[in-house]
Amino acid sequence: MKEFLQYGGQAVIEGVMMRSPRYFAVACRKPDGEIVIQQEALEGSILAKLKWLNKPFLRGTLALIDAMMLGTKALTFAANVQAVELPTGGARAKDTSDAGAAKTKRINDIAIGFTMVFAFAFGLGLFVALPTLLTQIIQDLLGISSSVGRNFVDGVIRIVIFLSYIALISRMHNIYRVFQYHGAEHKTINALEAGIELTPDNCMKASRIHPRCGTSFIIVVLLVGILIHCLFPRPDNFFVRLALHLSLIPLVAGIGYEVIRLAGKFKESIFTRVLLAPGLWSQQLTTREPDISQVEVAIASLQAVLDAEQGRTKEAEQKAAVA
């Protein structure tokens, strides 16, 4: 069966982003029900530009940055699809609508930029600074003196905060729909890897849980982080501890990335299922059962990158035949 380890995706607002080894596509459903698709090549990705760093335990951080940049681009497209209405009426109405659409897009892009900066700062505060501060309070109350004990408590607090945060935001209607599209993305990828035809009915029967999910990656990173941090001393100064945690992120992300890649390759093994059990369980929070219309969007996105890859392969074969 064909290797599909480099196929994956991300849920966005009323849509799904899918990526293949050389392309990515975003499919979104407009308010009027139409599915729109944006498909581009990935030649400009960080991993493509810095191939000499695309090595085990180094590529994890690059892949994470690359995914964040691509995810931001996909989210921007999805937000613009929902914000811009189709023009109606004659030519004059169309011109006015086009101008309004361009202005709306610019405002939307700026808003998304500020939102991403805020989200990054908020994430560092909630998942790095806050657990470090709470550990300081708890270690004094419980009299935990060893660095290993303090780092272990820090890691447990970080996991509890993450799961609580996900459980809380999943109660919001808009986030719930994004989680449904997340489930649709997983079902479609699982159907692809199973070698079955990508039809809505087939994909609906597939599992909404996948070992290469970003949620599993985060859980693995949090668990690996506990082990790695326990190997280092825990400075008393809060800001020094915070700087140490931040400096270890590339190492922790690199190890976590390799674990997820290995799990995706041997996802049917019992050892893999046991190793990734916490991450797979956490996907019950970050994915929801989609409806068939959401699966249709996921299929459209995945099919766009599959068609692009197939066209690239045929083009290469034709050039080779001519040569």
Protein backbone atom coordinates (compact mmCIF):
# COMPACT_ATOMS: atom_id res chain seq x y z
CA MET A 1 0.00 0.00 0.00
CA LYS A 2 1.22 3.52 -0.76
CA GLU A 3 2.93 5.46 2.04
CA PHE A 4 0.77 8.34 3.26
CA LEU A 5 2.76 9.49 6.31
CA GLN A 6 3.23 12.96 4.85
CA TYR A 7 -0.49 13.52 4.38
CA GLY A 8 -2.23 15.37 7.16
CA GLY A 9 -4.39 18.34 7.88
CA GLN A 10 -5.96 20.86 10.18
CA ALA A 11 -9.49 21.99 10.88
CA VAL A 12 -10.31 25.65 10.21
CA ILE A 13 -13.43 27.79 10.31
CA GLU A 14 -16.08 25.83 8.39
CA GLY A 15 -13.39 23.90 6.56
CA VAL A 16 -10.32 21.70 6.45
CA MET A 17 -6.74 22.26 5.36
CA MET A 18 -4.90 19.25 3.92
CA ARG A 19 -1.25 18.94 2.99
CA SER A 20 0.71 16.41 0.96
CA PRO A 21 4.49 16.18 0.46
CA ARG A 22 4.48 19.04 -2.09
CA TYR A 23 1.08 20.76 -1.92
CA PHE A 24 -1.53 22.07 0.45
CA ALA A 25 -5.20 22.89 -0.02
CA VAL A 26 -7.90 24.56 2.04
CA ALA A 27 -11.55 23.72 1.40
CA CYS A 28 -14.27 25.76 3.10
CA ARG A 29 -18.02 25.85 2.87
CA LYS A 30 -19.35 29.32 2.19
CA PRO A 31 -22.48 30.64 3.92
CA ASP A 32 -24.45 29.86 0.72
CA GLY A 33 -23.36 26.20 0.89
CA GLU A 34 -20.79 26.22 -1.93
CA ILE A 35 -17.38 24.61 -1.27
CA VAL A 36 -14.43 26.80 -2.29
CA ILE A 37 -10.86 25.48 -2.52
CA GLN A 38 -7.47 27.16 -2.47
CA GLN A 39 -4.56 24.92 -3.52
CA GLU A 40 -0.88 25.90 -3.65
CA ALA A 41 2.55 24.31 -3.84
CA LEU A 42 4.73 23.97 -0.72
CA GLU A 43 8.08 24.89 -2.27
CA GLY A 44 8.38 27.84 0.10
CA SER A 45 8.08 25.81 3.32
CA ILE A 46 10.81 25.97 5.95
CA LEU A 47 11.56 22.26 5.63
CA ALA A 48 11.98 22.69 1.88
CA LYS A 49 14.33 25.66 2.27
CA LEU A 50 16.41 24.14 5.08
CA LYS A 51 16.73 20.55 3.85
CA TRP A 52 20.06 20.14 5.65
CA LEU A 53 18.15 20.48 8.95
CA ASN A 54 15.49 17.97 7.92
CA LYS A 55 17.03 15.29 10.12
CA PRO A 56 15.69 13.27 13.05
CA PHE A 57 15.37 15.30 16.28
CA LEU A 58 16.10 18.52 14.38
CA ARG A 59 13.10 18.59 12.05
CA GLY A 60 10.55 18.62 14.89
CA THR A 61 10.94 22.33 15.66
CA LEU A 62 11.04 23.23 11.96
CA ALA A 63 7.93 21.16 11.30
CA LEU A 64 6.17 22.87 14.21
CA ILE A 65 7.03 26.37 12.92
CA ASP A 66 6.10 25.33 9.39
CA ALA A 67 2.75 23.97 10.57
CA MET A 68 2.03 27.18 12.49
CA MET A 69 2.77 29.35 9.45
CA LEU A 70 0.72 27.17 7.11
CA GLY A 71 -2.07 26.94 9.67
CA THR A 72 -2.19 30.73 9.97
CA LYS A 73 -2.45 31.01 6.19
CA ALA A 74 -5.28 28.46 6.13
CA LEU A 75 -7.12 30.19 8.97
CA THR A 76 -6.82 33.52 7.17
CA PHE A 77 -8.32 32.08 4.00
CA ALA A 78 -11.14 30.39 5.94
CA ALA A 79 -11.97 33.58 7.85
CA ASN A 80 -12.06 35.59 4.63
CA VAL A 81 -14.40 33.06 3.02
CA GLN A 82 -16.88 33.55 5.85
CA ALA A 83 -16.44 37.33 6.00
CA VAL A 84 -16.81 38.17 2.30
CA GLU A 85 -20.23 37.73 0.71
CA LEU A 86 -20.76 37.03 -2.97
CA PRO A 87 -21.67 40.12 -5.01
CA THR A 88 -25.23 40.36 -6.28
CA GLY A 89 -26.89 42.58 -8.87
CA GLY A 90 -25.36 44.34 -11.86
CA ALA A 91 -21.89 45.57 -12.69
CA ARG A 92 -22.12 48.56 -10.38
CA ALA A 93 -23.10 46.38 -7.47
CA LYS A 94 -20.23 44.00 -8.30
CA ASP A 95 -17.63 46.81 -8.36
CA THR A 96 -18.84 48.08 -4.99
CA SER A 97 -18.82 44.57 -3.57
CA ASP A 98 -15.29 43.90 -4.86
CA ALA A 99 -14.00 47.06 -3.20
CA GLY A 100 -15.81 46.19 -0.01
CA ALA A 101 -14.50 42.62 -0.15
CA ALA A 102 -10.91 43.84 -0.53
CA LYS A 103 -11.31 46.20 2.42
CA THR A 104 -12.92 43.49 4.53
CA LYS A 105 -10.08 41.11 3.65
CA ARG A 106 -7.42 43.63 4.72
CA ILE A 107 -9.18 44.30 8.01
CA ASN A 108 -9.66 40.59 8.54
CA ASP A 109 -5.98 39.84 7.86
CA ILE A 110 -4.88 42.49 10.37
CA ALA A 111 -7.31 41.16 12.97
CA ILE A 112 -6.06 37.61 12.46
CA GLY A 113 -2.45 38.80 12.77
CA PHE A 114 -3.15 40.46 16.11
CA THR A 115 -5.14 37.41 17.21
CA MET A 116 -2.23 35.05 16.43
CA VAL A 117 0.24 37.24 18.36
CA PHE A 118 -2.14 37.39 21.30
CA ALA A 119 -2.77 33.63 21.12
CA PHE A 120 0.98 32.94 21.16
CA ALA A 121 1.53 35.19 24.18
CA PHE A 122 -1.54 33.76 25.90
CA GLY A 123 -0.29 30.20 25.29
CA LEU A 124 3.11 30.95 26.80
CA GLY A 125 1.47 32.52 29.80
CA LEU A 126 -1.12 29.79 30.35
CA PHE A 127 0.93 26.67 29.55
CA VAL A 128 4.46 27.72 30.54
CA ALA A 129 4.48 30.63 32.99
CA LEU A 130 1.36 29.71 35.02
CA PRO A 131 2.37 26.07 35.72
CA THR A 132 5.84 27.27 36.75
CA LEU A 133 4.29 29.78 39.16
CA LEU A 134 1.78 27.27 40.58
CA THR A 135 4.56 24.73 41.12
CA GLN A 136 6.43 27.31 43.20
CA ILE A 137 3.38 27.70 45.43
CA ILE A 138 2.69 23.96 45.72
CA GLN A 139 6.30 22.97 46.39
CA ASP A 140 6.43 25.35 49.33
CA LEU A 141 3.12 24.13 50.73
CA LEU A 142 4.01 20.43 50.37
CA GLY A 143 7.69 20.81 51.13
CA ILE A 144 8.89 19.26 47.86
CA SER A 145 12.63 19.86 47.82
CA SER A 146 13.98 17.71 44.97
CA SER A 147 14.26 19.08 41.45
CA VAL A 148 12.78 15.86 40.05
CA GLY A 149 9.72 16.15 42.27
CA ARG A 150 9.20 19.80 41.43
CA ASN A 151 9.57 19.23 37.69
CA PHE A 152 7.16 16.30 37.85
CA VAL A 153 4.55 18.43 39.63
CA ASP A 154 5.12 21.18 37.08
CA GLY A 155 4.47 18.76 34.22
CA VAL A 156 1.33 17.33 35.77
CA ILE A 157 -0.06 20.84 36.36
CA ARG A 158 0.67 21.73 32.73
CA ILE A 159 -1.23 18.68 31.46
CA VAL A 160 -4.20 19.38 33.74
CA ILE A 161 -4.37 22.99 32.57
CA PHE A 162 -4.21 21.95 28.92
CA LEU A 163 -6.97 19.33 29.20
CA SER A 164 -9.16 21.65 31.28
CA TYR A 165 -8.73 24.43 28.75
CA ILE A 166 -9.70 22.15 25.85
CA ALA A 167 -12.72 20.80 27.73
CA LEU A 168 -13.84 24.35 28.52
CA ILE A 169 -13.56 25.84 25.03
CA SER A 170 -15.18 22.78 23.45
CA ARG A 171 -18.46 23.94 24.99
CA MET A 172 -18.45 26.97 22.68
CA HIS A 173 -20.59 26.46 19.57
CA ASN A 174 -18.03 27.74 17.04
CA ILE A 175 -15.20 25.71 18.58
CA TYR A 176 -17.44 22.64 18.65
CA ARG A 177 -17.94 22.96 14.88
CA VAL A 178 -14.18 23.29 14.36
CA PHE A 179 -13.76 20.09 16.38
CA GLN A 180 -16.33 18.43 14.10
CA TYR A 181 -14.25 19.42 11.07
CA HIS A 182 -11.23 18.06 12.96
CA GLY A 183 -13.07 14.74 13.19
CA ALA A 184 -13.90 14.93 9.47
CA GLU A 185 -10.23 15.50 8.67
CA HIS A 186 -9.21 12.41 10.66
CA LYS A 187 -11.90 10.24 9.10
CA THR A 188 -10.78 11.21 5.61
CA ILE A 189 -7.09 10.59 6.32
CA ASN A 190 -7.92 7.24 7.93
CA ALA A 191 -9.93 6.25 4.85
CA LEU A 192 -7.02 7.25 2.61
CA GLU A 193 -4.53 5.20 4.63
CA ALA A 194 -6.91 2.23 4.64
CA GLY A 195 -6.90 2.29 0.84
CA ILE A 196 -10.65 2.67 0.45
CA GLU A 197 -12.47 4.96 -1.96
CA LEU A 198 -12.86 8.52 -0.68
CA THR A 199 -16.63 8.77 -0.64
CA PRO A 200 -18.64 10.50 2.11
CA ASP A 201 -20.23 7.23 3.21
CA ASN A 202 -16.89 5.41 3.41
CA CYS A 203 -15.23 8.22 5.33
CA MET A 204 -18.13 8.50 7.78
CA LYS A 205 -17.46 4.88 8.79
CA ALA A 206 -13.79 5.58 9.56
CA SER A 207 -12.47 6.48 13.00
CA ARG A 208 -12.20 10.12 14.04
CA ILE A 209 -9.07 9.25 16.07
CA HIS A 210 -5.62 9.31 14.45
CA PRO A 211 -2.17 8.78 16.06
CA ARG A 212 -0.49 11.60 14.09
CA CYS A 213 -2.96 14.18 15.35
CA GLY A 214 -1.65 17.48 16.68
CA THR A 215 -3.44 16.77 19.96
CA SER A 216 -1.48 13.55 20.39
CA PHE A 217 1.67 15.48 19.53
CA ILE A 218 0.96 18.02 22.28
CA ILE A 219 0.30 15.28 24.85
CA VAL A 220 3.49 13.47 23.83
CA VAL A 221 5.43 16.74 24.07
CA LEU A 222 4.01 17.39 27.55
CA LEU A 223 4.98 13.89 28.71
CA VAL A 224 8.42 14.07 27.10
CA GLY A 225 8.82 17.48 28.68
CA ILE A 226 8.40 15.97 32.15
CA LEU A 227 11.17 13.45 31.48
CA ILE A 228 13.53 16.00 29.93
CA HIS A 229 12.98 18.65 32.60
CA CYS A 230 13.62 16.09 35.34
CA LEU A 231 17.15 15.66 33.95
CA PHE A 232 17.93 19.31 34.66
CA PRO A 233 18.13 21.19 37.95
CA ARG A 234 15.25 23.49 38.84
CA PRO A 235 16.59 27.01 39.59
CA ASP A 236 14.88 28.91 42.40
CA ASN A 237 14.51 32.07 40.37
CA PHE A 238 11.19 32.11 38.48
CA PHE A 239 12.53 33.87 35.38
CA VAL A 240 15.55 31.57 35.13
CA ARG A 241 13.24 28.54 35.34
CA LEU A 242 11.01 30.06 32.68
CA ALA A 243 13.99 30.68 30.39
CA LEU A 244 15.17 27.09 30.92
CA HIS A 245 11.75 25.71 29.96
CA LEU A 246 11.66 27.85 26.82
CA SER A 247 15.20 26.87 25.79
CA LEU A 248 14.32 23.16 26.04
CA ILE A 249 11.29 23.44 23.73
CA PRO A 250 13.28 22.55 20.54
CA LEU A 251 14.66 19.38 22.18
CA VAL A 252 11.29 18.33 23.57
CA ALA A 253 9.51 19.08 20.28
CA GLY A 254 12.15 17.16 18.31
CA ILE A 255 11.73 14.03 20.41
CA GLY A 256 7.94 14.30 20.41
CA TYR A 257 7.87 14.69 16.63
CA GLU A 258 9.89 11.52 16.09
CA VAL A 259 7.61 9.59 18.44
CA ILE A 260 4.54 10.71 16.48
CA ARG A 261 6.14 9.80 13.14
CA LEU A 262 7.03 6.36 14.46
CA ALA A 263 3.51 5.93 15.82
CA GLY A 264 2.01 6.83 12.45
CA LYS A 265 4.14 4.21 10.74
CA PHE A 266 3.27 1.43 13.20
CA LYS A 267 -0.13 2.64 14.35
CA GLU A 268 -1.60 -0.88 14.46
CA SER A 269 0.95 -2.25 16.94
CA ILE A 270 -0.04 -2.80 20.55
CA PHE A 271 3.09 -1.01 21.81
CA THR A 272 2.20 2.10 19.82
CA ARG A 273 -1.36 2.10 21.09
CA VAL A 274 -0.16 1.85 24.70
CA LEU A 275 2.50 4.52 24.17
CA LEU A 276 0.04 6.94 22.60
CA ALA A 277 -2.98 6.03 24.72
CA PRO A 278 -3.04 9.42 26.55
CA GLY A 279 -2.85 11.31 23.25
CA LEU A 280 -5.50 9.14 21.59
CA TRP A 281 -7.78 9.58 24.60
CA SER A 282 -7.32 13.37 24.51
CA GLN A 283 -8.67 13.39 20.94
CA GLN A 284 -12.06 12.55 22.41
CA LEU A 285 -11.99 16.20 23.53
CA THR A 286 -10.57 17.83 20.39
CA THR A 287 -12.59 15.89 17.78
CA ARG A 288 -16.34 15.51 17.48
CA GLU A 289 -18.41 13.30 15.21
CA PRO A 290 -18.94 15.28 11.98
CA ASP A 291 -21.97 15.31 9.71
CA ILE A 292 -21.71 14.19 6.11
CA SER A 293 -21.54 17.75 4.76
CA GLN A 294 -18.41 18.39 6.83
CA VAL A 295 -16.84 15.17 5.57
CA GLU A 296 -17.54 16.32 2.02
CA VAL A 297 -15.43 19.42 2.68
CA ALA A 298 -12.57 17.31 4.06
CA ILE A 299 -12.68 15.02 1.01
CA ALA A 300 -12.62 18.04 -1.33
CA SER A 301 -9.50 19.37 0.40
CA LEU A 302 -7.70 16.03 0.40
CA GLN A 303 -8.66 15.28 -3.19
CA ALA A 304 -7.18 18.61 -4.27
CA VAL A 305 -3.72 17.71 -2.96
CA LEU A 306 -3.99 14.14 -4.26
CA ASP A 307 -4.82 15.46 -7.73
CA ALA A 308 -1.94 17.93 -7.55
CA GLU A 309 0.51 15.18 -6.52
CA GLN A 310 -0.75 12.93 -9.30
CA GLY A 311 -0.35 15.73 -11.85
CA ARG A 312 3.18 16.41 -10.60
CA THR A 313 4.06 12.71 -10.96
CA LYS A 314 2.66 12.50 -14.51
CA GLU A 315 4.56 15.64 -15.50
CA ALA A 316 7.81 14.19 -14.15
CA GLU A 317 7.19 10.90 -15.99
CA GLN A 318 6.56 12.75 -19.26
CA LYS A 319 9.79 14.74 -18.89
CA ALA A 320 11.72 11.56 -18.13
CA ALA A 321 10.23 9.86 -21.22
CA VAL A 322 11.22 12.79 -23.44
CA ALA A 323 14.75 12.82 -22.01
